[in-house]
PDB file of N, CA and C in Angstrom:
ATOM      1  N   MET A   1     131.663 215.736 118.244  1.00  0.00           N
ATOM      2  CA  MET A   1     131.939 215.165 116.949  1.00  0.00           C
ATOM      3  C   MET A   1     133.430 214.822 116.876  1.00  0.00           C
ATOM      4  N   SER A   2     133.751 213.713 116.266  1.00  0.00           N
ATOM      5  CA  SER A   2     135.129 213.261 116.145  1.00  0.00           C
ATOM      6  C   SER A   2     135.928 214.167 115.213  1.00  0.00           C
ATOM      7  N   LYS A   3     137.198 214.340 115.524  1.00  0.00           N
ATOM      8  CA  LYS A   3     138.048 215.132 114.635  1.00  0.00           C
ATOM      9  C   LYS A   3     138.274 214.423 113.308  1.00  0.00           C
ATOM     10  N   TYR A   4     137.857 213.166 113.209  1.00  0.00           N
ATOM     11  CA  TYR A   4     138.000 212.399 111.970  1.00  0.00           C
ATOM     12  C   TYR A   4     136.699 212.334 111.158  1.00  0.00           C
ATOM     13  N   PHE A   5     135.693 213.112 111.557  1.00  0.00           N
ATOM     14  CA  PHE A   5     134.395 213.062 110.889  1.00  0.00           C
ATOM     15  C   PHE A   5     134.478 213.427 109.404  1.00  0.00           C
ATOM     16  N   GLU A   6     135.355 214.348 109.044  1.00  0.00           N
ATOM     17  CA  GLU A   6     135.499 214.734 107.630  1.00  0.00           C
ATOM     18  C   GLU A   6     135.941 213.546 106.782  1.00  0.00           C
ATOM     19  N   LEU A   7     136.728 212.651 107.356  1.00  0.00           N
ATOM     20  CA  LEU A   7     137.132 211.443 106.632  1.00  0.00           C
ATOM     21  C   LEU A   7     135.938 210.522 106.421  1.00  0.00           C
ATOM     22  N   THR A   8     135.090 210.402 107.430  1.00  0.00           N
ATOM     23  CA  THR A   8     133.873 209.598 107.287  1.00  0.00           C
ATOM     24  C   THR A   8     133.026 210.133 106.137  1.00  0.00           C
ATOM     25  N   LYS A   9     132.800 211.441 106.127  1.00  0.00           N
ATOM     26  CA  LYS A   9     131.999 212.054 105.060  1.00  0.00           C
ATOM     27  C   LYS A   9     132.630 211.829 103.692  1.00  0.00           C
ATOM     28  N   HIS A  10     133.927 212.008 103.609  1.00  0.00           N
ATOM     29  CA  HIS A  10     134.621 211.841 102.332  1.00  0.00           C
ATOM     30  C   HIS A  10     134.458 210.416 101.798  1.00  0.00           C
ATOM     31  N   LEU A  11     134.708 209.450 102.650  1.00  0.00           N
ATOM     32  CA  LEU A  11     134.598 208.052 102.219  1.00  0.00           C
ATOM     33  C   LEU A  11     133.160 207.698 101.851  1.00  0.00           C
ATOM     34  N   ALA A  12     132.215 208.164 102.630  1.00  0.00           N
ATOM     35  CA  ALA A  12     130.806 207.846 102.368  1.00  0.00           C
ATOM     36  C   ALA A  12     130.341 208.411 101.033  1.00  0.00           C
ATOM     37  N   ASN A  13     130.965 209.482 100.593  1.00  0.00           N
ATOM     38  CA  ASN A  13     130.572 210.108  99.335  1.00  0.00           C
ATOM     39  C   ASN A  13     131.362 209.611  98.127  1.00  0.00           C
ATOM     40  N   LEU A  14     132.290 208.699  98.347  1.00  0.00           N
ATOM     41  CA  LEU A  14     133.051 208.156  97.222  1.00  0.00           C
ATOM     42  C   LEU A  14     132.181 207.253  96.372  1.00  0.00           C
ATOM     43  N   ASP A  15     132.405 207.290  95.087  1.00  0.00           N
ATOM     44  CA  ASP A  15     131.736 206.374  94.165  1.00  0.00           C
ATOM     45  C   ASP A  15     132.700 205.279  93.746  1.00  0.00           C
ATOM     46  N   ALA A  16     133.490 204.811  94.686  1.00  0.00           N
ATOM     47  CA  ALA A  16     134.513 203.820  94.377  1.00  0.00           C
ATOM     48  C   ALA A  16     134.567 202.777  95.483  1.00  0.00           C
ATOM     49  N   GLU A  17     134.949 201.590  95.103  1.00  0.00           N
ATOM     50  CA  GLU A  17     135.095 200.505  96.076  1.00  0.00           C
ATOM     51  C   GLU A  17     136.427 200.588  96.811  1.00  0.00           C
ATOM     52  N   THR A  18     137.392 201.276  96.217  1.00  0.00           N
ATOM     53  CA  THR A  18     138.692 201.462  96.865  1.00  0.00           C
ATOM     54  C   THR A  18     139.146 202.903  96.693  1.00  0.00           C
ATOM     55  N   TRP A  19     139.909 203.359  97.668  1.00  0.00           N
ATOM     56  CA  TRP A  19     140.539 204.666  97.583  1.00  0.00           C
ATOM     57  C   TRP A  19     141.990 204.486  97.995  1.00  0.00           C
ATOM     58  N   GLU A  20     142.882 204.495  97.011  1.00  0.00           N
ATOM     59  CA  GLU A  20     144.315 204.425  97.264  1.00  0.00           C
ATOM     60  C   GLU A  20     144.788 205.856  97.415  1.00  0.00           C
ATOM     61  N   THR A  21     145.354 206.170  98.560  1.00  0.00           N
ATOM     62  CA  THR A  21     145.654 207.563  98.861  1.00  0.00           C
ATOM     63  C   THR A  21     146.946 207.687  99.643  1.00  0.00           C
ATOM     64  N   THR A  22     147.397 208.918  99.771  1.00  0.00           N
ATOM     65  CA  THR A  22     148.584 209.204 100.576  1.00  0.00           C
ATOM     66  C   THR A  22     148.149 209.771 101.926  1.00  0.00           C
ATOM     67  N   PHE A  23     149.055 209.739 102.854  1.00  0.00           N
ATOM     68  CA  PHE A  23     148.761 210.328 104.162  1.00  0.00           C
ATOM     69  C   PHE A  23     148.490 211.833 104.005  1.00  0.00           C
ATOM     70  N   ASP A  24     149.216 212.488 103.089  1.00  0.00           N
ATOM     71  CA  ASP A  24     148.991 213.920 102.848  1.00  0.00           C
ATOM     72  C   ASP A  24     147.570 214.176 102.356  1.00  0.00           C
ATOM     73  N   GLN A  25     147.057 213.299 101.492  1.00  0.00           N
ATOM     74  CA  GLN A  25     145.689 213.468 101.000  1.00  0.00           C
ATOM     75  C   GLN A  25     144.671 213.257 102.118  1.00  0.00           C
ATOM     76  N   VAL A  26     144.942 212.312 103.011  1.00  0.00           N
ATOM     77  CA  VAL A  26     144.055 212.105 104.159  1.00  0.00           C
ATOM     78  C   VAL A  26     144.047 213.361 105.023  1.00  0.00           C
ATOM     79  N   GLU A  27     145.229 213.946 105.241  1.00  0.00           N
ATOM     80  CA  GLU A  27     145.312 215.186 106.018  1.00  0.00           C
ATOM     81  C   GLU A  27     144.539 216.319 105.341  1.00  0.00           C
ATOM     82  N   ALA A  28     144.586 216.386 104.017  1.00  0.00           N
ATOM     83  CA  ALA A  28     143.852 217.430 103.293  1.00  0.00           C
ATOM     84  C   ALA A  28     142.351 217.266 103.503  1.00  0.00           C
ATOM     85  N   VAL A  29     141.871 216.037 103.508  1.00  0.00           N
ATOM     86  CA  VAL A  29     140.448 215.774 103.756  1.00  0.00           C
ATOM     87  C   VAL A  29     140.085 216.156 105.179  1.00  0.00           C
ATOM     88  N   LEU A  30     140.936 215.779 106.125  1.00  0.00           N
ATOM     89  CA  LEU A  30     140.665 216.057 107.540  1.00  0.00           C
ATOM     90  C   LEU A  30     140.772 217.536 107.876  1.00  0.00           C
ATOM     91  N   GLY A  31     141.684 218.217 107.211  1.00  0.00           N
ATOM     92  CA  GLY A  31     141.938 219.613 107.550  1.00  0.00           C
ATOM     93  C   GLY A  31     142.838 219.774 108.753  1.00  0.00           C
ATOM     94  N   ILE A  32     143.418 218.678 109.200  1.00  0.00           N
ATOM     95  CA  ILE A  32     144.350 218.672 110.335  1.00  0.00           C
ATOM     96  C   ILE A  32     145.452 217.654 110.044  1.00  0.00           C
ATOM     97  N   PRO A  33     146.613 217.806 110.668  1.00  0.00           N
ATOM     98  CA  PRO A  33     147.672 216.816 110.463  1.00  0.00           C
ATOM     99  C   PRO A  33     147.356 215.497 111.169  1.00  0.00           C
ATOM    100  N   LEU A  34     147.836 214.432 110.586  1.00  0.00           N
ATOM    101  CA  LEU A  34     147.757 213.136 111.260  1.00  0.00           C
ATOM    102  C   LEU A  34     148.748 213.141 112.423  1.00  0.00           C
ATOM    103  N   PRO A  35     148.477 212.371 113.461  1.00  0.00           N
ATOM    104  CA  PRO A  35     149.445 212.287 114.547  1.00  0.00           C
ATOM    105  C   PRO A  35     150.705 211.540 114.081  1.00  0.00           C
ATOM    106  N   GLU A  36     151.813 211.788 114.749  1.00  0.00           N
ATOM    107  CA  GLU A  36     153.067 211.107 114.417  1.00  0.00           C
ATOM    108  C   GLU A  36     152.905 209.587 114.394  1.00  0.00           C
ATOM    109  N   SER A  37     152.073 209.062 115.295  1.00  0.00           N
ATOM    110  CA  SER A  37     151.894 207.613 115.375  1.00  0.00           C
ATOM    111  C   SER A  37     151.316 207.032 114.083  1.00  0.00           C
ATOM    112  N   ALA A  38     150.565 207.827 113.320  1.00  0.00           N
ATOM    113  CA  ALA A  38     150.009 207.348 112.050  1.00  0.00           C
ATOM    114  C   ALA A  38     151.116 207.096 111.036  1.00  0.00           C
ATOM    115  N   ARG A  39     152.197 207.839 111.156  1.00  0.00           N
ATOM    116  CA  ARG A  39     153.316 207.698 110.224  1.00  0.00           C
ATOM    117  C   ARG A  39     154.344 206.666 110.698  1.00  0.00           C
ATOM    118  N   LYS A  40     154.301 206.331 111.971  1.00  0.00           N
ATOM    119  CA  LYS A  40     155.328 205.449 112.534  1.00  0.00           C
ATOM    120  C   LYS A  40     154.840 204.059 112.909  1.00  0.00           C
ATOM    121  N   HIS A  41     153.550 203.914 113.194  1.00  0.00           N
ATOM    122  CA  HIS A  41     153.056 202.653 113.750  1.00  0.00           C
ATOM    123  C   HIS A  41     151.884 202.100 112.935  1.00  0.00           C
ATOM    124  N   ARG A  42     152.088 200.962 112.346  1.00  0.00           N
ATOM    125  CA  ARG A  42     151.049 200.305 111.540  1.00  0.00           C
ATOM    126  C   ARG A  42     149.748 200.111 112.316  1.00  0.00           C
ATOM    127  N   PRO A  43     149.779 199.778 113.612  1.00  0.00           N
ATOM    128  CA  PRO A  43     148.527 199.575 114.353  1.00  0.00           C
ATOM    129  C   PRO A  43     147.610 200.795 114.388  1.00  0.00           C
ATOM    130  N   TRP A  44     148.136 201.996 114.154  1.00  0.00           N
ATOM    131  CA  TRP A  44     147.271 203.174 114.127  1.00  0.00           C
ATOM    132  C   TRP A  44     146.201 203.009 113.054  1.00  0.00           C
ATOM    133  N   TRP A  45     146.512 202.309 111.981  1.00  0.00           N
ATOM    134  CA  TRP A  45     145.605 202.107 110.851  1.00  0.00           C
ATOM    135  C   TRP A  45     144.764 200.851 110.988  1.00  0.00           C
ATOM    136  N   ALA A  46     144.855 200.172 112.125  1.00  0.00           N
ATOM    137  CA  ALA A  46     144.091 198.928 112.332  1.00  0.00           C
ATOM    138  C   ALA A  46     142.591 199.204 112.306  1.00  0.00           C
ATOM    139  N   ASN A  47     141.850 198.209 111.894  1.00  0.00           N
ATOM    140  CA  ASN A  47     140.386 198.324 111.769  1.00  0.00           C
ATOM    141  C   ASN A  47     139.700 197.899 113.064  1.00  0.00           C
ATOM    142  N   GLN A  48     140.001 198.604 114.140  1.00  0.00           N
ATOM    143  CA  GLN A  48     139.391 198.275 115.423  1.00  0.00           C
ATOM    144  C   GLN A  48     139.209 199.519 116.262  1.00  0.00           C
ATOM    145  N   GLY A  49     138.283 199.488 117.160  1.00  0.00           N
ATOM    146  CA  GLY A  49     137.714 200.497 118.000  1.00  0.00           C
ATOM    147  C   GLY A  49     138.455 201.726 118.462  1.00  0.00           C
ATOM    148  N   HIS A  50     139.128 202.439 117.600  1.00  0.00           N
ATOM    149  CA  HIS A  50     139.712 203.720 117.961  1.00  0.00           C
ATOM    150  C   HIS A  50     138.965 204.817 117.212  1.00  0.00           C
ATOM    151  N   ALA A  51     139.157 206.059 117.636  1.00  0.00           N
ATOM    152  CA  ALA A  51     138.442 207.171 116.994  1.00  0.00           C
ATOM    153  C   ALA A  51     138.698 207.212 115.495  1.00  0.00           C
ATOM    154  N   GLN A  52     139.955 207.020 115.095  1.00  0.00           N
ATOM    155  CA  GLN A  52     140.262 207.104 113.674  1.00  0.00           C
ATOM    156  C   GLN A  52     139.653 205.937 112.892  1.00  0.00           C
ATOM    157  N   SER A  53     139.681 204.734 113.440  1.00  0.00           N
ATOM    158  CA  SER A  53     139.105 203.604 112.698  1.00  0.00           C
ATOM    159  C   SER A  53     137.580 203.691 112.657  1.00  0.00           C
ATOM    160  N   SER A  54     136.991 204.304 113.654  1.00  0.00           N
ATOM    161  CA  SER A  54     135.540 204.508 113.619  1.00  0.00           C
ATOM    162  C   SER A  54     135.156 205.391 112.439  1.00  0.00           C
ATOM    163  N   ALA A  55     136.064 206.286 112.033  1.00  0.00           N
ATOM    164  CA  ALA A  55     135.796 207.170 110.900  1.00  0.00           C
ATOM    165  C   ALA A  55     135.630 206.380 109.612  1.00  0.00           C
ATOM    166  N   TRP A  56     136.537 205.480 109.321  1.00  0.00           N
ATOM    167  CA  TRP A  56     136.404 204.730 108.067  1.00  0.00           C
ATOM    168  C   TRP A  56     135.433 203.570 108.190  1.00  0.00           C
ATOM    169  N   LEU A  57     135.383 202.935 109.345  1.00  0.00           N
ATOM    170  CA  LEU A  57     134.419 201.844 109.523  1.00  0.00           C
ATOM    171  C   LEU A  57     132.988 202.365 109.455  1.00  0.00           C
ATOM    172  N   GLY A  58     132.769 203.573 109.974  1.00  0.00           N
ATOM    173  CA  GLY A  58     131.445 204.183 109.942  1.00  0.00           C
ATOM    174  C   GLY A  58     130.946 204.476 108.536  1.00  0.00           C
ATOM    175  N   ALA A  59     131.871 204.571 107.586  1.00  0.00           N
ATOM    176  CA  ALA A  59     131.505 204.795 106.188  1.00  0.00           C
ATOM    177  C   ALA A  59     131.489 203.481 105.405  1.00  0.00           C
ATOM    178  N   GLY A  60     131.740 202.368 106.095  1.00  0.00           N
ATOM    179  CA  GLY A  60     131.714 201.063 105.435  1.00  0.00           C
ATOM    180  C   GLY A  60     133.027 200.645 104.808  1.00  0.00           C
ATOM    181  N   TYR A  61     134.126 201.274 105.207  1.00  0.00           N
ATOM    182  CA  TYR A  61     135.440 200.961 104.648  1.00  0.00           C
ATOM    183  C   TYR A  61     136.346 200.320 105.698  1.00  0.00           C
ATOM    184  N   LYS A  62     137.336 199.595 105.207  1.00  0.00           N
ATOM    185  CA  LYS A  62     138.422 199.078 106.037  1.00  0.00           C
ATOM    186  C   LYS A  62     139.727 199.483 105.376  1.00  0.00           C
ATOM    187  N   THR A  63     140.776 199.555 106.179  1.00  0.00           N
ATOM    188  CA  THR A  63     142.086 199.863 105.624  1.00  0.00           C
ATOM    189  C   THR A  63     142.752 198.589 105.135  1.00  0.00           C
ATOM    190  N   ALA A  64     143.570 198.743 104.108  1.00  0.00           N
ATOM    191  CA  ALA A  64     144.356 197.643 103.552  1.00  0.00           C
ATOM    192  C   ALA A  64     145.631 198.242 102.975  1.00  0.00           C
ATOM    193  N   ASN A  65     146.634 197.444 102.826  1.00  0.00           N
ATOM    194  CA  ASN A  65     147.877 197.873 102.165  1.00  0.00           C
ATOM    195  C   ASN A  65     148.438 199.161 102.753  1.00  0.00           C
ATOM    196  N   VAL A  66     148.632 199.188 104.040  1.00  0.00           N
ATOM    197  CA  VAL A  66     149.244 200.354 104.670  1.00  0.00           C
ATOM    198  C   VAL A  66     150.743 200.308 104.395  1.00  0.00           C
ATOM    199  N   ASP A  67     151.247 201.337 103.755  1.00  0.00           N
ATOM    200  CA  ASP A  67     152.650 201.425 103.360  1.00  0.00           C
ATOM    201  C   ASP A  67     153.280 202.601 104.103  1.00  0.00           C
ATOM    202  N   LEU A  68     153.836 202.331 105.284  1.00  0.00           N
ATOM    203  CA  LEU A  68     154.404 203.402 106.100  1.00  0.00           C
ATOM    204  C   LEU A  68     155.587 204.100 105.427  1.00  0.00           C
ATOM    205  N   PRO A  69     156.540 203.364 104.819  1.00  0.00           N
ATOM    206  CA  PRO A  69     157.681 204.059 104.211  1.00  0.00           C
ATOM    207  C   PRO A  69     157.278 205.055 103.114  1.00  0.00           C
ATOM    208  N   HIS A  70     156.238 204.726 102.338  1.00  0.00           N
ATOM    209  CA  HIS A  70     155.790 205.608 101.266  1.00  0.00           C
ATOM    210  C   HIS A  70     154.565 206.441 101.661  1.00  0.00           C
ATOM    211  N   GLU A  71     154.141 206.299 102.911  1.00  0.00           N
ATOM    212  CA  GLU A  71     153.005 207.033 103.462  1.00  0.00           C
ATOM    213  C   GLU A  71     151.761 206.929 102.581  1.00  0.00           C
ATOM    214  N   LYS A  72     151.366 205.674 102.330  1.00  0.00           N
ATOM    215  CA  LYS A  72     150.178 205.402 101.526  1.00  0.00           C
ATOM    216  C   LYS A  72     149.282 204.407 102.258  1.00  0.00           C
ATOM    217  N   VAL A  73     147.982 204.497 101.972  1.00  0.00           N
ATOM    218  CA  VAL A  73     147.006 203.572 102.542  1.00  0.00           C
ATOM    219  C   VAL A  73     145.891 203.373 101.522  1.00  0.00           C
ATOM    220  N   THR A  74     145.303 202.190 101.545  1.00  0.00           N
ATOM    221  CA  THR A  74     144.162 201.903 100.689  1.00  0.00           C
ATOM    222  C   THR A  74     142.962 201.627 101.578  1.00  0.00           C
ATOM    223  N   PHE A  75     141.855 202.309 101.286  1.00  0.00           N
ATOM    224  CA  PHE A  75     140.584 202.055 101.955  1.00  0.00           C
ATOM    225  C   PHE A  75     139.736 201.221 101.004  1.00  0.00           C
ATOM    226  N   VAL A  76     139.193 200.120 101.515  1.00  0.00           N
ATOM    227  CA  VAL A  76     138.396 199.200 100.699  1.00  0.00           C
ATOM    228  C   VAL A  76     136.984 199.160 101.259  1.00  0.00           C
ATOM    229  N   TYR A  77     135.995 199.363 100.384  1.00  0.00           N
ATOM    230  CA  TYR A  77     134.594 199.354 100.815  1.00  0.00           C
ATOM    231  C   TYR A  77     134.144 197.929 101.106  1.00  0.00           C
ATOM    232  N   VAL A  78     133.598 197.719 102.304  1.00  0.00           N
ATOM    233  CA  VAL A  78     133.119 196.396 102.718  1.00  0.00           C
ATOM    234  C   VAL A  78     131.676 196.448 103.197  1.00  0.00           C
ATOM    235  N   GLY A  79     131.059 197.631 103.090  1.00  0.00           N
ATOM    236  CA  GLY A  79     129.683 197.808 103.553  1.00  0.00           C
ATOM    237  C   GLY A  79     128.685 197.204 102.592  1.00  0.00           C
ATOM    238  N   ASP A  80     127.420 197.340 102.938  1.00  0.00           N
ATOM    239  CA  ASP A  80     126.360 196.766 102.114  1.00  0.00           C
ATOM    240  C   ASP A  80     125.830 197.729 101.067  1.00  0.00           C
ATOM    241  N   GLY A  81     126.249 198.985 101.115  1.00  0.00           N
ATOM    242  CA  GLY A  81     125.878 199.958 100.103  1.00  0.00           C
ATOM    243  C   GLY A  81     124.456 200.471 100.179  1.00  0.00           C
ATOM    244  N   VAL A  82     123.689 200.066 101.181  1.00  0.00           N
ATOM    245  CA  VAL A  82     122.289 200.469 101.260  1.00  0.00           C
ATOM    246  C   VAL A  82     122.156 201.966 101.453  1.00  0.00           C
ATOM    247  N   ASP A  83     122.818 202.530 102.436  1.00  0.00           N
ATOM    248  CA  ASP A  83     122.714 203.967 102.711  1.00  0.00           C
ATOM    249  C   ASP A  83     124.098 204.484 103.050  1.00  0.00           C
ATOM    250  N   ARG A  84     124.776 205.055 102.075  1.00  0.00           N
ATOM    251  CA  ARG A  84     126.131 205.527 102.293  1.00  0.00           C
ATOM    252  C   ARG A  84     126.157 206.983 102.722  1.00  0.00           C
ATOM    253  N   GLU A  85     124.992 207.604 102.864  1.00  0.00           N
ATOM    254  CA  GLU A  85     124.965 209.000 103.291  1.00  0.00           C
ATOM    255  C   GLU A  85     125.267 209.086 104.783  1.00  0.00           C
ATOM    256  N   VAL A  86     126.184 209.964 105.118  1.00  0.00           N
ATOM    257  CA  VAL A  86     126.545 210.182 106.517  1.00  0.00           C
ATOM    258  C   VAL A  86     126.040 211.556 106.902  1.00  0.00           C
ATOM    259  N   ARG A  87     125.303 211.602 107.959  1.00  0.00           N
ATOM    260  CA  ARG A  87     124.751 212.874 108.423  1.00  0.00           C
ATOM    261  C   ARG A  87     125.546 213.387 109.605  1.00  0.00           C
ATOM    262  N   GLN A  88     125.618 214.697 109.686  1.00  0.00           N
ATOM    263  CA  GLN A  88     126.270 215.337 110.825  1.00  0.00           C
ATOM    264  C   GLN A  88     125.493 214.975 112.091  1.00  0.00           C
ATOM    265  N   PRO A  89     126.189 214.604 113.154  1.00  0.00           N
ATOM    266  CA  PRO A  89     125.473 214.288 114.387  1.00  0.00           C
ATOM    267  C   PRO A  89     124.662 215.486 114.871  1.00  0.00           C
ATOM    268  N   ALA A  90     123.502 215.211 115.405  1.00  0.00           N
ATOM    269  CA  ALA A  90     122.643 216.277 115.929  1.00  0.00           C
ATOM    270  C   ALA A  90     123.301 216.899 117.151  1.00  0.00           C
ATOM    271  N   LYS A  91     123.127 218.200 117.287  1.00  0.00           N
ATOM    272  CA  LYS A  91     123.665 218.893 118.458  1.00  0.00           C
ATOM    273  C   LYS A  91     122.625 218.843 119.568  1.00  0.00           C
ATOM    274  N   LEU A  92     123.097 218.599 120.771  1.00  0.00           N
ATOM    275  CA  LEU A  92     122.213 218.529 121.933  1.00  0.00           C
ATOM    276  C   LEU A  92     122.241 219.839 122.703  1.00  0.00           C
ATOM    277  N   THR A  93     121.129 220.140 123.310  1.00  0.00           N
ATOM    278  CA  THR A  93     121.119 221.233 124.272  1.00  0.00           C
ATOM    279  C   THR A  93     121.698 220.684 125.572  1.00  0.00           C
ATOM    280  N   ILE A  94     122.046 221.580 126.479  1.00  0.00           N
ATOM    281  CA  ILE A  94     122.544 221.144 127.787  1.00  0.00           C
ATOM    282  C   ILE A  94     121.488 220.290 128.492  1.00  0.00           C
ATOM    283  N   ALA A  95     120.225 220.715 128.420  1.00  0.00           N
ATOM    284  CA  ALA A  95     119.134 219.973 129.071  1.00  0.00           C
ATOM    285  C   ALA A  95     119.024 218.568 128.497  1.00  0.00           C
ATOM    286  N   GLU A  96     119.141 218.437 127.166  1.00  0.00           N
ATOM    287  CA  GLU A  96     119.065 217.115 126.536  1.00  0.00           C
ATOM    288  C   GLU A  96     120.253 216.246 126.931  1.00  0.00           C
ATOM    289  N   ALA A  97     121.426 216.856 126.993  1.00  0.00           N
ATOM    290  CA  ALA A  97     122.616 216.116 127.394  1.00  0.00           C
ATOM    291  C   ALA A  97     122.490 215.635 128.840  1.00  0.00           C
ATOM    292  N   LYS A  98     122.012 216.505 129.707  1.00  0.00           N
ATOM    293  CA  LYS A  98     121.827 216.122 131.113  1.00  0.00           C
ATOM    294  C   LYS A  98     120.812 214.991 131.244  1.00  0.00           C
ATOM    295  N   ALA A  99     119.715 215.079 130.496  1.00  0.00           N
ATOM    296  CA  ALA A  99     118.686 214.029 130.550  1.00  0.00           C
ATOM    297  C   ALA A  99     119.250 212.703 130.061  1.00  0.00           C
ATOM    298  N   GLY A 100     120.030 212.748 128.987  1.00  0.00           N
ATOM    299  CA  GLY A 100     120.632 211.524 128.457  1.00  0.00           C
ATOM    300  C   GLY A 100     121.627 210.906 129.422  1.00  0.00           C
ATOM    301  N   LEU A 101     122.460 211.743 130.026  1.00  0.00           N
ATOM    302  CA  LEU A 101     123.430 211.246 131.006  1.00  0.00           C
ATOM    303  C   LEU A 101     122.734 210.675 132.237  1.00  0.00           C
ATOM    304  N   ALA A 102     121.702 211.365 132.686  1.00  0.00           N
ATOM    305  CA  ALA A 102     120.962 210.881 133.853  1.00  0.00           C
ATOM    306  C   ALA A 102     120.349 209.512 133.575  1.00  0.00           C
ATOM    307  N   ALA A 103     119.752 209.357 132.412  1.00  0.00           N
ATOM    308  CA  ALA A 103     119.146 208.071 132.051  1.00  0.00           C
ATOM    309  C   ALA A 103     120.206 206.989 131.921  1.00  0.00           C
ATOM    310  N   ASN A 104     121.336 207.340 131.337  1.00  0.00           N
ATOM    311  CA  ASN A 104     122.409 206.363 131.134  1.00  0.00           C
ATOM    312  C   ASN A 104     123.003 205.877 132.455  1.00  0.00           C
ATOM    313  N   PHE A 105     123.143 206.794 133.407  1.00  0.00           N
ATOM    314  CA  PHE A 105     123.774 206.444 134.676  1.00  0.00           C
ATOM    315  C   PHE A 105     122.780 206.148 135.792  1.00  0.00           C
ATOM    316  N   GLY A 106     121.490 206.235 135.481  1.00  0.00           N
ATOM    317  CA  GLY A 106     120.469 205.893 136.470  1.00  0.00           C
ATOM    318  C   GLY A 106     120.400 206.849 137.643  1.00  0.00           C
ATOM    319  N   VAL A 107     120.584 208.138 137.365  1.00  0.00           N
ATOM    320  CA  VAL A 107     120.495 209.151 138.418  1.00  0.00           C
ATOM    321  C   VAL A 107     119.481 210.201 137.988  1.00  0.00           C
ATOM    322  N   SER A 108     119.133 211.081 138.893  1.00  0.00           N
ATOM    323  CA  SER A 108     118.193 212.151 138.539  1.00  0.00           C
ATOM    324  C   SER A 108     118.913 213.212 137.706  1.00  0.00           C
ATOM    325  N   VAL A 109     118.148 213.949 136.939  1.00  0.00           N
ATOM    326  CA  VAL A 109     118.708 215.031 136.126  1.00  0.00           C
ATOM    327  C   VAL A 109     119.402 216.049 137.024  1.00  0.00           C
ATOM    328  N   GLU A 110     118.838 216.286 138.194  1.00  0.00           N
ATOM    329  CA  GLU A 110     119.418 217.257 139.127  1.00  0.00           C
ATOM    330  C   GLU A 110     120.805 216.825 139.606  1.00  0.00           C
ATOM    331  N   ALA A 111     121.102 215.545 139.555  1.00  0.00           N
ATOM    332  CA  ALA A 111     122.394 215.045 140.018  1.00  0.00           C
ATOM    333  C   ALA A 111     123.489 215.196 138.958  1.00  0.00           C
ATOM    334  N   VAL A 112     123.119 215.598 137.751  1.00  0.00           N
ATOM    335  CA  VAL A 112     124.077 215.733 136.660  1.00  0.00           C
ATOM    336  C   VAL A 112     124.533 217.175 136.559  1.00  0.00           C
ATOM    337  N   GLU A 113     125.849 217.389 136.591  1.00  0.00           N
ATOM    338  CA  GLU A 113     126.414 218.705 136.399  1.00  0.00           C
ATOM    339  C   GLU A 113     127.296 218.665 135.161  1.00  0.00           C
ATOM    340  N   ILE A 114     127.177 219.658 134.322  1.00  0.00           N
ATOM    341  CA  ILE A 114     127.994 219.741 133.115  1.00  0.00           C
ATOM    342  C   ILE A 114     128.800 221.027 133.182  1.00  0.00           C
ATOM    343  N   THR A 115     130.095 220.907 132.980  1.00  0.00           N
ATOM    344  CA  THR A 115     130.980 222.067 132.950  1.00  0.00           C
ATOM    345  C   THR A 115     131.500 222.219 131.532  1.00  0.00           C
ATOM    346  N   VAL A 116     131.347 223.414 130.981  1.00  0.00           N
ATOM    347  CA  VAL A 116     131.839 223.709 129.647  1.00  0.00           C
ATOM    348  C   VAL A 116     133.061 224.606 129.785  1.00  0.00           C
ATOM    349  N   ARG A 117     134.186 224.129 129.260  1.00  0.00           N
ATOM    350  CA  ARG A 117     135.416 224.919 129.318  1.00  0.00           C
ATOM    351  C   ARG A 117     135.776 225.330 127.910  1.00  0.00           C
ATOM    352  N   GLY A 118     136.160 226.511 127.729  1.00  0.00           N
ATOM    353  CA  GLY A 118     136.461 226.948 126.377  1.00  0.00           C
ATOM    354  C   GLY A 118     137.500 227.933 126.335  1.00  0.00           C
TER     355      GLY A 118
END
């Protein structure tokens, strides 16, 4: 699960078309600090294929009006509104993960090894 999943849930549960917020408020939703690059580089907030943008895009929002000096951002709803509920991703067993990887890479399940480090 992405470390930005809490932001996806928060946005999906909003009853608003826009959310004007501060970086501190985003951190409060996430429960973790934003990386330094979020405060220094406008492209971090771009609406394209990164883990963080997948969080807001997955809830049907895009970023707008990123104000780095004042550490503010506006999320604007652009989705169709049909189903804004976001569900927690299902957890896989090791066997299910191995089967999925084997199918994806076209190898036998026996050829897949998974190492869990903790």
